[in-house]
């Protein structure tokens, strides 16, 4: 035995730390996962409201402010929340203003429209660039509608770091019985008209949250108000929608040819089964940015900037994880490389050479798993995933050593509509956790379904804005996540939750010597479902086998909280 192995090794059994998961996924900065932590670290200011504000909105605003204070949220008076912008910020906003100004002016079809735009928006320059701004990392609550050019968005320092919550009377013609599309259209138009991240719609009895998750939870005003604010509203403020930008990826040219035979089975799985997913009714038609109800051209372009200059949005995703070369874990004491051994002896996660390793304690063993690189074929953001054009709509994304990669065709130009999915982090979280825990399972049962399948064929991953009726969950599938906070799509929290649930599920299976793990159903409360299946063909056949298996909206979500209705 090598000298460095003679000391007794301490054995432990525990879940991977959040820091380790963040390292694996390439997530930086703080990530609060518990609502009480989110509340304590949240700063909120209330935007000055107009004098003739509706009394119900004013009363709700006071009730909300009291709840925030009781929950530990820091309420910042508006005059303390604003500051004169620094020179660097002024310079950036000048560049942004003229970029937006130029883009809008060029997009107008007639000289008359362009002239009218120039006259009206040249006056906005001073306020947009030089006026006092709300400091970064302070969320803004706005009571009622505000006038054009005096919306909270006109006073923010950062579109991404100043989330806006607008409280409105529920004048829209939707209710609990409205179909998903009616809620979707109402929500998107409220977001665009009010330039807000969240719209809280109230009446005399209830309040409802609209978010980019396209969910619409409804709560009574006079019952469990603080509890619902803590568990449903605060997570959406603390973990807002932040779509990935191309700058977060390493671009690899000549890395992906959808016509290459090595991709053929996976491209075909995406292309051929898209129309069948449309038949499920779970994938509503997307919306172009231009179709939304913005008050003016300038706000329309600000909305596009917030979405990393995407031209539109689609809802849900279909993805095909490519086969992965997994590595059978080694016992820590079997590591021959002394330097690697010493690193792993005291650490859970190590970057060593060109690879990454994670140490997992299970069954009185310290197992070292080499983290494989993972690659996934999916559709670009905004594409109609039920009718994909393989030459225009497919992208290849990857994760290695915590870094994201985007594989490009030689002829592809990075135009405005060639952007990765909002849910990229969640897709890659499922892909890499599939690989890590298939590797772990291979140590105990190398011939079991999960490790064999990921090496031979990879896996299919799909997301839609609805839930699987729990009584139809097939044998061998694990459902998890129903107890997680209802954060926004594209948030780092959603990626961490996806990883943690799969980790817990597979390790629990191993501890009970049960290796019948076929896939999983990752429930994202007030958002939707991520499902892992062997192939998209198998998944859509399952979904189409009974129209009651899944529906858009929250209809089946409550069943996961009521054990009397599960089976």
Protein backbone atom coordinates (compact mmCIF):
# COMPACT_ATOMS: atom_id res chain seq x y z
CA UNK A 1 0.00 0.00 0.00
CA UNK A 2 1.41 3.45 -0.91
CA UNK A 3 2.61 5.52 2.07
CA UNK A 4 -0.06 8.17 1.55
CA UNK A 5 -2.76 5.51 2.14
CA UNK A 6 -1.53 4.22 5.50
CA UNK A 7 -3.44 6.75 7.60
CA UNK A 8 -6.96 5.77 8.60
CA UNK A 9 -9.53 7.44 6.34
CA UNK A 10 -12.57 9.00 7.96
CA UNK A 11 -15.83 7.72 6.48
CA UNK A 12 -18.94 9.89 6.29
CA UNK A 13 -22.36 9.70 4.67
CA UNK A 14 -23.98 12.96 3.64
CA UNK A 15 -25.52 14.81 0.72
CA UNK A 16 -23.30 16.95 -1.46
CA UNK A 17 -23.01 20.51 -0.22
CA UNK A 18 -24.63 23.38 -2.07
CA UNK A 19 -21.16 24.79 -2.80
CA UNK A 20 -20.14 21.51 -4.47
CA UNK A 21 -23.30 21.49 -6.58
CA UNK A 22 -22.68 25.11 -7.58
CA UNK A 23 -19.12 24.22 -8.61
CA UNK A 24 -20.36 21.29 -10.70
CA UNK A 25 -22.99 23.47 -12.41
CA UNK A 26 -20.79 26.56 -12.77
CA UNK A 27 -23.00 28.77 -10.59
CA UNK A 28 -21.30 31.70 -8.89
CA UNK A 29 -22.50 34.00 -6.12
CA UNK A 30 -24.90 33.33 -3.30
CA UNK A 31 -27.88 31.06 -3.90
CA UNK A 32 -30.50 31.11 -1.15
CA UNK A 33 -32.56 27.91 -1.24
CA UNK A 34 -34.86 28.33 1.77
CA UNK A 35 -37.62 31.00 1.78
CA UNK A 36 -36.63 32.33 5.21
CA UNK A 37 -33.06 32.88 3.94
CA UNK A 38 -34.41 34.56 0.82
CA UNK A 39 -36.52 36.90 2.96
CA UNK A 40 -33.63 37.90 5.22
CA UNK A 41 -31.41 38.75 2.26
CA UNK A 42 -34.10 40.62 0.32
CA UNK A 43 -34.24 44.40 0.07
CA UNK A 44 -37.46 46.04 -1.13
CA UNK A 45 -38.55 49.62 -1.69
CA UNK A 46 -42.07 50.85 -2.43
CA UNK A 47 -42.30 53.08 -5.51
CA UNK A 48 -44.14 56.40 -4.95
CA UNK A 49 -47.77 55.95 -5.96
CA UNK A 50 -50.20 58.40 -7.51
CA UNK A 51 -52.64 60.29 -5.27
CA UNK A 52 -55.85 58.80 -6.64
CA UNK A 53 -54.77 55.20 -6.10
CA UNK A 54 -57.49 52.59 -5.61
CA UNK A 55 -58.21 52.04 -1.91
CA UNK A 56 -58.05 48.23 -2.20
CA UNK A 57 -54.60 48.42 -3.77
CA UNK A 58 -53.40 50.80 -1.05
CA UNK A 59 -54.71 48.53 1.72
CA UNK A 60 -53.14 45.47 0.10
CA UNK A 61 -49.83 47.33 -0.21
CA UNK A 62 -49.83 48.11 3.52
CA UNK A 63 -50.69 44.51 4.36
CA UNK A 64 -47.87 43.32 2.10
CA UNK A 65 -45.37 45.75 3.65
CA UNK A 66 -46.28 44.52 7.15
CA UNK A 67 -45.87 40.90 6.05
CA UNK A 68 -42.47 41.66 4.53
CA UNK A 69 -41.29 43.29 7.77
CA UNK A 70 -42.53 40.39 9.90
CA UNK A 71 -40.69 37.94 7.63
CA UNK A 72 -37.37 39.77 7.95
CA UNK A 73 -37.32 41.56 4.58
CA UNK A 74 -35.40 44.84 4.67
CA UNK A 75 -37.77 47.66 3.68
CA UNK A 76 -35.77 50.60 2.28
CA UNK A 77 -37.52 54.01 2.19
CA UNK A 78 -37.64 55.21 -1.42
CA UNK A 79 -35.54 58.34 -0.80
CA UNK A 80 -32.82 56.09 0.66
CA UNK A 81 -33.10 53.57 -2.17
CA UNK A 82 -32.20 56.04 -4.94
CA UNK A 83 -28.88 57.64 -5.80
CA UNK A 84 -27.26 59.68 -8.52
CA UNK A 85 -25.62 57.31 -11.00
CA UNK A 86 -21.85 56.95 -11.07
CA UNK A 87 -19.93 58.01 -14.17
CA UNK A 88 -19.42 54.40 -15.30
CA UNK A 89 -23.16 53.80 -15.05
CA UNK A 90 -23.94 57.02 -16.94
CA UNK A 91 -21.56 55.99 -19.71
CA UNK A 92 -23.14 52.53 -20.00
CA UNK A 93 -26.66 53.94 -20.05
CA UNK A 94 -25.66 56.43 -22.76
CA UNK A 95 -24.44 53.55 -24.89
CA UNK A 96 -27.55 51.51 -24.13
CA UNK A 97 -29.88 54.42 -24.87
CA UNK A 98 -28.33 55.10 -28.26
CA UNK A 99 -28.22 51.40 -29.07
CA UNK A 100 -31.93 51.09 -28.29
CA UNK A 101 -32.67 54.37 -30.03
CA UNK A 102 -30.86 53.23 -33.17
CA UNK A 103 -32.43 49.77 -33.18
CA UNK A 104 -35.93 51.16 -32.81
CA UNK A 105 -35.44 53.89 -35.41
CA UNK A 106 -34.14 51.35 -37.94
CA UNK A 107 -37.02 48.97 -37.27
CA UNK A 108 -39.72 51.53 -38.10
CA UNK A 109 -41.24 51.07 -41.52
CA UNK A 110 -42.15 54.65 -42.44
CA UNK A 111 -40.37 57.99 -42.19
CA UNK A 112 -43.39 59.40 -40.38
CA UNK A 113 -43.13 56.74 -37.65
CA UNK A 114 -39.39 57.32 -37.32
CA UNK A 115 -39.83 61.10 -37.01
CA UNK A 116 -42.55 60.72 -34.39
CA UNK A 117 -40.37 58.30 -32.44
CA UNK A 118 -37.33 60.59 -32.55
CA UNK A 119 -39.29 63.59 -31.29
CA UNK A 120 -40.92 61.74 -28.40
CA UNK A 121 -37.92 59.73 -27.25
CA UNK A 122 -35.15 62.30 -27.54
CA UNK A 123 -36.87 63.93 -24.55
CA UNK A 124 -36.42 60.75 -22.52
CA UNK A 125 -32.65 60.80 -22.85
CA UNK A 126 -31.87 62.96 -19.80
CA UNK A 127 -34.15 61.06 -17.42
CA UNK A 128 -33.01 57.65 -18.67
CA UNK A 129 -29.30 58.47 -18.40
CA UNK A 130 -28.84 61.08 -15.70
CA UNK A 131 -31.84 60.89 -13.36
CA UNK A 132 -31.60 59.34 -9.91
CA UNK A 133 -31.78 55.54 -10.00
CA UNK A 134 -32.79 52.83 -7.57
CA UNK A 135 -29.69 51.09 -6.26
CA UNK A 136 -28.78 47.63 -7.48
CA UNK A 137 -30.18 44.57 -5.69
CA UNK A 138 -33.25 46.40 -4.40
CA UNK A 139 -36.60 45.02 -5.56
CA UNK A 140 -39.39 47.49 -6.27
CA UNK A 141 -43.06 47.20 -5.35
CA UNK A 142 -45.31 49.46 -7.43
CA UNK A 143 -48.90 50.09 -6.32
CA UNK A 144 -51.21 50.44 -9.31
CA UNK A 145 -50.46 51.55 -12.85
CA UNK A 146 -48.06 54.41 -13.49
CA UNK A 147 -47.70 56.79 -16.40
CA UNK A 148 -45.51 56.22 -19.40
CA UNK A 149 -41.94 57.49 -18.79
CA UNK A 150 -42.52 57.24 -15.04
CA UNK A 151 -42.72 53.49 -14.58
CA UNK A 152 -40.35 51.84 -12.07
CA UNK A 153 -38.31 50.52 -15.03
CA UNK A 154 -37.45 54.14 -15.91
CA UNK A 155 -35.79 54.53 -12.50
CA UNK A 156 -33.85 51.27 -12.18
CA UNK A 157 -30.08 50.88 -12.25
CA UNK A 158 -30.21 47.34 -13.60
CA UNK A 159 -32.94 45.53 -15.50
CA UNK A 160 -31.70 42.25 -13.97
CA UNK A 161 -30.89 43.37 -10.42
CA UNK A 162 -33.98 45.49 -9.72
CA UNK A 163 -36.95 43.10 -10.03
CA UNK A 164 -40.31 44.88 -10.20
CA UNK A 165 -43.56 43.71 -8.60
CA UNK A 166 -46.70 45.59 -9.67
CA UNK A 167 -49.92 45.40 -7.62
CA UNK A 168 -53.01 45.72 -9.84
CA UNK A 169 -56.78 45.35 -9.58
CA UNK A 170 -57.88 42.08 -11.15
CA UNK A 171 -59.73 43.66 -14.05
CA UNK A 172 -58.70 40.95 -16.48
CA UNK A 173 -61.37 38.53 -17.60
CA UNK A 174 -59.74 35.44 -16.09
CA UNK A 175 -60.55 33.34 -13.04
CA UNK A 176 -59.86 29.91 -11.57
CA UNK A 177 -61.75 28.19 -14.37
CA UNK A 178 -59.96 30.04 -17.21
CA UNK A 179 -57.82 27.91 -19.51
CA UNK A 180 -54.03 28.14 -19.55
CA UNK A 181 -53.86 30.21 -22.76
CA UNK A 182 -56.21 32.86 -21.34
CA UNK A 183 -53.99 33.24 -18.29
CA UNK A 184 -50.88 33.22 -20.48
CA UNK A 185 -52.13 36.02 -22.74
CA UNK A 186 -53.31 38.10 -19.77
CA UNK A 187 -49.99 37.68 -17.95
CA UNK A 188 -47.76 38.52 -20.91
CA UNK A 189 -49.72 41.66 -21.72
CA UNK A 190 -49.58 42.79 -18.08
CA UNK A 191 -45.81 42.27 -18.04
CA UNK A 192 -45.35 44.27 -21.24
CA UNK A 193 -47.77 47.12 -20.43
CA UNK A 194 -46.42 47.64 -16.91
CA UNK A 195 -42.80 46.64 -17.63
CA UNK A 196 -42.87 44.38 -14.59
CA UNK A 197 -41.36 41.05 -13.59
CA UNK A 198 -44.33 40.01 -11.46
CA UNK A 199 -47.96 41.13 -11.53
CA UNK A 200 -49.98 40.64 -8.36
CA UNK A 201 -53.68 40.94 -9.23
CA UNK A 202 -56.14 41.48 -6.39
CA UNK A 203 -59.88 41.71 -5.77
CA UNK A 204 -61.81 42.01 -2.53
CA UNK A 205 -61.19 38.36 -1.56
CA UNK A 206 -58.16 36.95 -3.36
CA UNK A 207 -54.73 37.77 -4.71
CA UNK A 208 -53.03 36.07 -7.65
CA UNK A 209 -49.40 36.01 -8.78
CA UNK A 210 -48.50 36.14 -12.46
CA UNK A 211 -44.86 35.39 -13.26
CA UNK A 212 -42.87 34.38 -16.32
CA UNK A 213 -43.43 30.81 -15.12
CA UNK A 214 -46.92 31.36 -16.60
CA UNK A 215 -48.44 30.01 -13.43
CA UNK A 216 -51.25 31.75 -11.59
CA UNK A 217 -51.50 30.65 -7.95
CA UNK A 218 -54.52 32.22 -6.22
CA UNK A 219 -54.64 32.84 -2.47
CA UNK A 220 -57.25 34.26 -0.08
CA UNK A 221 -56.29 37.67 1.30
CA UNK A 222 -57.59 36.91 4.79
CA UNK A 223 -56.07 33.45 5.28
CA UNK A 224 -52.41 32.38 5.70
CA UNK A 225 -51.29 35.64 4.11
CA UNK A 226 -47.74 35.76 5.52
CA UNK A 227 -47.21 32.06 4.84
CA UNK A 228 -48.22 32.48 1.20
CA UNK A 229 -46.07 35.62 0.82
CA UNK A 230 -43.09 33.72 2.26
CA UNK A 231 -43.45 30.55 0.21
CA UNK A 232 -44.88 31.83 -3.07
CA UNK A 233 -44.10 35.52 -3.59
CA UNK A 234 -40.70 36.00 -1.94
CA UNK A 235 -39.02 33.10 -3.85
CA UNK A 236 -40.11 34.64 -7.16
CA UNK A 237 -38.64 38.01 -6.15
CA UNK A 238 -35.43 36.56 -4.71
CA UNK A 239 -34.92 34.19 -7.67
CA UNK A 240 -36.13 36.15 -10.71
CA UNK A 241 -36.03 35.16 -14.38
CA UNK A 242 -32.48 35.61 -15.67
CA UNK A 243 -32.14 34.06 -19.14
CA UNK A 244 -28.63 32.88 -20.03
CA UNK A 245 -26.63 35.12 -22.34
CA UNK A 246 -24.21 33.97 -25.02
CA UNK A 247 -21.35 35.54 -23.05
CA UNK A 248 -21.74 32.75 -20.46
CA UNK A 249 -20.80 30.10 -23.04
CA UNK A 250 -17.56 29.06 -24.67
CA UNK A 251 -18.42 28.95 -28.37
CA UNK A 252 -17.09 25.99 -30.35
CA UNK A 253 -17.23 26.48 -34.11
CA UNK A 254 -17.50 23.51 -36.47
CA UNK A 255 -18.57 21.43 -33.48
CA UNK A 256 -22.06 20.35 -34.49
CA UNK A 257 -23.51 19.13 -37.78
CA UNK A 258 -27.13 17.93 -37.41
CA UNK A 259 -26.67 15.89 -40.59
CA UNK A 260 -23.76 13.90 -39.15
CA UNK A 261 -24.63 10.21 -38.72
CA UNK A 262 -23.39 10.21 -35.12
CA UNK A 263 -26.20 12.64 -34.23
CA UNK A 264 -28.85 11.03 -36.43
CA UNK A 265 -30.73 8.96 -33.78
CA UNK A 266 -30.96 11.94 -31.42
CA UNK A 267 -31.85 14.51 -34.08
CA UNK A 268 -34.53 12.13 -35.36
CA UNK A 269 -35.88 11.67 -31.83
CA UNK A 270 -36.30 15.46 -31.57
CA UNK A 271 -37.62 16.10 -35.08
CA UNK A 272 -39.91 13.10 -35.58
CA UNK A 273 -41.59 13.24 -32.17
CA UNK A 274 -42.15 17.00 -32.01
CA UNK A 275 -45.53 16.76 -33.80
CA UNK A 276 -46.66 14.10 -31.33
CA UNK A 277 -45.77 16.36 -28.40
CA UNK A 278 -48.01 18.98 -30.00
CA UNK A 279 -50.88 16.47 -29.78
CA UNK A 280 -50.43 16.29 -26.00
CA UNK A 281 -51.63 19.90 -25.73
CA UNK A 282 -48.76 20.63 -23.33
CA UNK A 283 -46.80 22.96 -25.64
CA UNK A 284 -48.69 26.19 -26.39
CA UNK A 285 -47.63 28.33 -29.31
CA UNK A 286 -44.90 30.84 -28.42
CA UNK A 287 -45.17 34.61 -28.54
CA UNK A 288 -43.10 37.09 -30.52
CA UNK A 289 -41.89 40.15 -28.59
CA UNK A 290 -43.57 42.36 -31.20
CA UNK A 291 -46.96 40.81 -30.43
CA UNK A 292 -46.94 41.98 -26.80
CA UNK A 293 -48.74 45.08 -25.59
CA UNK A 294 -45.89 47.51 -24.91
CA UNK A 295 -46.76 51.18 -24.46
CA UNK A 296 -44.08 52.34 -26.88
CA UNK A 297 -41.22 51.15 -29.04
CA UNK A 298 -38.64 52.07 -26.45
CA UNK A 299 -40.17 49.81 -23.80
CA UNK A 300 -40.38 47.05 -26.37
CA UNK A 301 -36.62 47.18 -26.86
CA UNK A 302 -35.95 47.36 -23.13
CA UNK A 303 -38.01 44.17 -22.85
CA UNK A 304 -35.86 42.57 -25.53
CA UNK A 305 -32.66 43.63 -23.73
CA UNK A 306 -33.93 41.99 -20.53
CA UNK A 307 -34.43 38.80 -22.55
CA UNK A 308 -30.87 39.07 -23.93
CA UNK A 309 -32.24 40.49 -27.20
CA UNK A 310 -34.40 37.46 -27.93
CA UNK A 311 -37.13 38.00 -30.52
CA UNK A 312 -39.69 35.89 -28.72
CA UNK A 313 -40.51 33.29 -26.13
CA UNK A 314 -41.68 29.70 -26.28
CA UNK A 315 -42.80 27.61 -23.36
CA UNK A 316 -41.27 24.30 -22.36
CA UNK A 317 -38.39 22.42 -23.96
CA UNK A 318 -37.50 19.11 -25.56
CA UNK A 319 -33.91 17.96 -25.11
CA UNK A 320 -31.85 14.91 -25.99
CA UNK A 321 -28.87 14.10 -23.81
CA UNK A 322 -26.17 12.40 -25.88
CA UNK A 323 -24.57 9.14 -24.67
CA UNK A 324 -22.06 9.70 -21.88
CA UNK A 325 -18.85 7.83 -21.14
CA UNK A 326 -19.17 7.25 -17.41
CA UNK A 327 -16.36 6.09 -15.16
CA UNK A 328 -16.80 3.48 -12.46
CA UNK A 329 -16.12 5.18 -9.11
CA UNK A 330 -13.03 4.31 -7.10
CA UNK A 331 -12.74 3.96 -3.37
CA UNK A 332 -10.77 6.89 -2.00
CA UNK A 333 -8.05 4.53 -0.78
CA UNK A 334 -7.70 3.14 -4.33
CA UNK A 335 -6.56 6.50 -5.71
CA UNK A 336 -2.93 6.00 -6.77
CA UNK A 337 -2.19 9.63 -7.54
CA UNK A 338 -0.89 11.01 -4.23
CA UNK A 339 -1.71 14.64 -5.02
CA UNK A 340 -5.26 13.82 -6.07
CA UNK A 341 -5.70 11.64 -2.99
CA UNK A 342 -4.53 14.43 -0.67
CA UNK A 343 -6.89 16.90 -2.33
CA UNK A 344 -9.88 14.58 -2.04
CA UNK A 345 -9.08 13.52 1.51
CA UNK A 346 -10.22 16.90 2.82
CA UNK A 347 -12.47 18.13 0.02
CA UNK A 348 -15.71 17.05 -1.56
CA UNK A 349 -15.07 18.55 -5.00
CA UNK A 350 -11.72 18.88 -6.77
CA UNK A 351 -10.55 20.23 -10.12
CA UNK A 352 -7.44 18.25 -10.98
CA UNK A 353 -5.64 18.50 -14.29
CA UNK A 354 -8.28 18.70 -17.00
CA UNK A 355 -10.93 16.85 -14.99
CA UNK A 356 -13.20 17.30 -12.00
CA UNK A 357 -13.92 14.81 -9.24
CA UNK A 358 -16.53 14.56 -6.51
CA UNK A 359 -16.36 12.46 -3.35
CA UNK A 360 -19.60 10.82 -2.24
CA UNK A 361 -20.02 9.02 1.07
CA UNK A 362 -22.41 6.08 0.87
CA UNK A 363 -22.72 2.66 2.56
CA UNK A 364 -19.61 3.32 4.70
CA UNK A 365 -17.58 3.98 1.58
CA UNK A 366 -15.91 7.10 0.27
CA UNK A 367 -16.40 6.83 -3.48
CA UNK A 368 -14.67 9.14 -5.93
CA UNK A 369 -16.61 9.89 -9.10
CA UNK A 370 -14.92 11.46 -12.10
CA UNK A 371 -17.45 13.95 -13.44
CA UNK A 372 -18.05 13.29 -17.15
CA UNK A 373 -18.57 16.06 -19.65
CA UNK A 374 -22.15 16.08 -20.88
CA UNK A 375 -23.72 17.23 -24.15
CA UNK A 376 -27.33 17.87 -25.01
CA UNK A 377 -29.19 18.60 -28.25
CA UNK A 378 -32.13 20.94 -27.82
CA UNK A 379 -33.87 23.79 -29.62
CA UNK A 380 -32.90 27.44 -29.68
CA UNK A 381 -34.93 29.80 -27.52
CA UNK A 382 -38.21 30.75 -29.17
CA UNK A 383 -38.27 27.86 -31.67
CA UNK A 384 -41.41 25.81 -32.18
CA UNK A 385 -40.15 22.62 -30.55
CA UNK A 386 -43.08 20.63 -31.98
CA UNK A 387 -42.03 21.51 -35.54
CA UNK A 388 -38.25 21.90 -35.58
CA UNK A 389 -36.08 22.66 -38.58
CA UNK A 390 -32.84 20.73 -37.93
CA UNK A 391 -30.77 23.21 -39.94
CA UNK A 392 -32.02 26.31 -38.11
CA UNK A 393 -33.48 25.36 -34.76
CA UNK A 394 -31.17 22.82 -33.10
CA UNK A 395 -28.32 23.75 -30.79
CA UNK A 396 -25.76 21.66 -28.94
CA UNK A 397 -24.96 22.66 -25.37
CA UNK A 398 -22.45 21.10 -23.01
CA UNK A 399 -21.00 21.26 -19.52
CA UNK A 400 -17.46 20.37 -18.47
CA UNK A 401 -15.68 21.38 -15.28
CA UNK A 402 -18.45 23.84 -14.48
CA UNK A 403 -18.17 25.65 -17.82
CA UNK A 404 -20.95 25.83 -20.40
CA UNK A 405 -20.25 25.25 -24.08
CA UNK A 406 -22.25 25.97 -27.21
CA UNK A 407 -21.39 23.85 -30.24
CA UNK A 408 -21.98 25.62 -33.55
CA UNK A 409 -22.28 24.63 -37.17
CA UNK A 410 -19.78 26.20 -39.52
CA UNK A 411 -22.50 28.06 -41.44
CA UNK A 412 -24.44 29.27 -38.41
CA UNK A 413 -24.35 32.98 -37.67
CA UNK A 414 -25.25 34.13 -34.16
CA UNK A 415 -28.30 36.12 -35.16
CA UNK A 416 -30.81 37.60 -32.74
CA UNK A 417 -32.91 34.43 -32.69
CA UNK A 418 -30.03 31.98 -32.09
CA UNK A 419 -30.04 31.92 -28.30
CA UNK A 420 -30.02 29.06 -25.77
CA UNK A 421 -33.14 28.10 -23.84
CA UNK A 422 -34.20 30.01 -20.72
CA UNK A 423 -33.94 26.64 -18.94
CA UNK A 424 -30.37 25.86 -20.03
CA UNK A 425 -29.03 25.55 -16.46
CA UNK A 426 -31.81 23.12 -15.54
CA UNK A 427 -31.23 21.06 -18.70
CA UNK A 428 -27.51 20.78 -17.95
CA UNK A 429 -28.19 20.11 -14.26
CA UNK A 430 -30.31 17.10 -15.21
CA UNK A 431 -27.72 15.95 -17.73
CA UNK A 432 -24.72 16.10 -15.40
CA UNK A 433 -26.59 14.65 -12.41
CA UNK A 434 -27.79 11.82 -14.68
CA UNK A 435 -24.14 11.12 -15.48
CA UNK A 436 -22.78 11.43 -11.93
CA UNK A 437 -25.40 9.25 -10.28
CA UNK A 438 -25.45 6.71 -13.11
CA UNK A 439 -21.71 6.39 -12.43
CA UNK A 440 -22.42 5.93 -8.72
CA UNK A 441 -25.07 3.31 -9.45
CA UNK A 442 -22.64 1.45 -11.73
CA UNK A 443 -20.37 0.78 -8.75
CA UNK A 444 -23.08 -1.26 -7.01
CA UNK A 445 -25.04 -2.64 -9.99
CA UNK A 446 -23.22 -2.02 -13.30
CA UNK A 447 -25.85 -3.85 -15.37
CA UNK A 448 -28.81 -1.82 -14.09
CA UNK A 449 -30.94 0.21 -16.49
CA UNK A 450 -29.78 3.74 -15.66
CA UNK A 451 -25.99 3.37 -16.17
CA UNK A 452 -26.43 1.07 -19.17
CA UNK A 453 -28.88 3.42 -20.92
CA UNK A 454 -26.93 6.64 -20.41
CA UNK A 455 -23.82 5.07 -21.93
CA UNK A 456 -25.60 3.45 -24.86
CA UNK A 457 -28.33 5.93 -25.80
CA UNK A 458 -28.30 8.91 -23.44
CA UNK A 459 -31.62 10.22 -22.10
CA UNK A 460 -34.50 12.47 -23.12
CA UNK A 461 -35.43 15.46 -20.95
CA UNK A 462 -38.59 17.50 -21.46
CA UNK A 463 -40.28 20.41 -19.70
CA UNK A 464 -43.82 21.75 -19.87
CA UNK A 465 -45.95 24.12 -17.78
CA UNK A 466 -48.12 21.50 -16.14
CA UNK A 467 -47.92 18.40 -13.94
CA UNK A 468 -48.24 14.63 -14.20
CA UNK A 469 -51.23 13.22 -12.37
CA UNK A 470 -49.46 11.25 -9.60
CA UNK A 471 -51.70 8.21 -10.00
CA UNK A 472 -50.18 7.69 -13.47
CA UNK A 473 -46.50 7.83 -12.46
CA UNK A 474 -45.00 4.67 -14.01
CA UNK A 475 -43.08 2.11 -11.99
CA UNK A 476 -39.39 2.95 -11.73
CA UNK A 477 -39.88 6.74 -11.94
CA UNK A 478 -39.28 9.04 -8.99
CA UNK A 479 -41.27 12.25 -8.47
CA UNK A 480 -39.53 14.94 -6.44
CA UNK A 481 -39.44 18.69 -5.88
CA UNK A 482 -43.00 19.35 -4.77
CA UNK A 483 -41.75 20.80 -1.47
CA UNK A 484 -39.30 23.23 -3.07
CA UNK A 485 -40.01 26.97 -3.12
CA UNK A 486 -41.71 28.25 -6.27
CA UNK A 487 -38.78 30.10 -7.83
CA UNK A 488 -38.70 31.52 -11.35
CA UNK A 489 -37.60 29.63 -14.43
CA UNK A 490 -33.93 30.13 -15.41
CA UNK A 491 -32.96 30.88 -11.79
CA UNK A 492 -29.86 29.14 -10.36
CA UNK A 493 -32.05 27.79 -7.56
CA UNK A 494 -34.09 25.72 -10.02
CA UNK A 495 -30.88 24.06 -11.29
CA UNK A 496 -29.72 23.25 -7.75
CA UNK A 497 -33.13 21.82 -6.80
CA UNK A 498 -33.09 19.59 -9.90
CA UNK A 499 -29.66 18.21 -8.97
CA UNK A 500 -30.50 17.70 -5.29
CA UNK A 501 -33.70 15.79 -6.02
CA UNK A 502 -32.03 13.36 -8.39
CA UNK A 503 -29.14 12.89 -5.95
CA UNK A 504 -31.49 12.12 -3.07
CA UNK A 505 -33.65 9.77 -5.15
CA UNK A 506 -30.85 7.66 -6.60
CA UNK A 507 -28.86 7.46 -3.36
CA UNK A 508 -32.00 6.36 -1.52
CA UNK A 509 -32.50 3.64 -4.15
CA UNK A 510 -28.90 2.46 -3.72
CA UNK A 511 -29.20 2.39 0.08
CA UNK A 512 -32.21 0.08 -0.30
CA UNK A 513 -30.49 -2.07 -2.95
CA UNK A 514 -33.18 -1.07 -5.42
CA UNK A 515 -31.68 -0.39 -8.84
CA UNK A 516 -34.93 -0.10 -10.78
CA UNK A 517 -34.41 3.57 -11.62
CA UNK A 518 -35.90 4.37 -15.03
CA UNK A 519 -36.13 8.17 -14.84
CA UNK A 520 -37.67 10.95 -12.81
CA UNK A 521 -40.28 13.69 -12.65
CA UNK A 522 -38.86 16.96 -11.32
CA UNK A 523 -41.80 19.03 -10.03
CA UNK A 524 -41.27 22.79 -10.03
CA UNK A 525 -44.11 24.29 -7.95
CA UNK A 526 -46.08 27.00 -9.76
CA UNK A 527 -43.93 26.47 -12.83
CA UNK A 528 -44.09 23.01 -14.35
CA UNK A 529 -42.45 19.60 -14.79
CA UNK A 530 -39.09 18.33 -16.01
CA UNK A 531 -39.27 14.67 -16.98
CA UNK A 532 -36.43 12.24 -17.78
CA UNK A 533 -37.18 9.27 -20.04
CA UNK A 534 -35.11 6.90 -22.16
CA UNK A 535 -36.25 8.59 -25.40
CA UNK A 536 -38.63 11.33 -26.45
CA UNK A 537 -40.57 8.72 -28.40
CA UNK A 538 -41.14 6.66 -25.26
CA UNK A 539 -42.07 9.77 -23.29
CA UNK A 540 -44.64 11.08 -25.75
CA UNK A 541 -46.16 7.62 -26.12
CA UNK A 542 -46.60 7.59 -22.34
CA UNK A 543 -48.16 11.07 -22.31
CA UNK A 544 -50.55 10.23 -25.16
CA UNK A 545 -51.62 6.91 -23.65
CA UNK A 546 -54.21 8.69 -21.48
CA UNK A 547 -55.41 12.30 -21.77
CA UNK A 548 -55.60 12.52 -17.96
CA UNK A 549 -51.87 11.90 -17.45
CA UNK A 550 -50.91 15.58 -17.66
CA UNK A 551 -52.48 18.97 -18.33
CA UNK A 552 -51.24 22.54 -18.57
CA UNK A 553 -51.61 24.62 -15.43
CA UNK A 554 -51.74 23.73 -11.76
CA UNK A 555 -54.61 21.22 -11.82
CA UNK A 556 -52.57 18.22 -10.64
CA UNK A 557 -50.05 20.06 -8.45
CA UNK A 558 -52.20 19.95 -5.31
CA UNK A 559 -52.46 16.16 -5.56
CA UNK A 560 -48.78 15.92 -4.57
CA UNK A 561 -49.60 17.58 -1.24
CA UNK A 562 -52.64 15.42 -0.47
CA UNK A 563 -51.59 11.83 0.20
CA UNK A 564 -55.24 10.72 0.27
CA UNK A 565 -55.53 11.49 -3.45
CA UNK A 566 -52.28 10.00 -4.67
CA UNK A 567 -53.48 6.53 -5.68
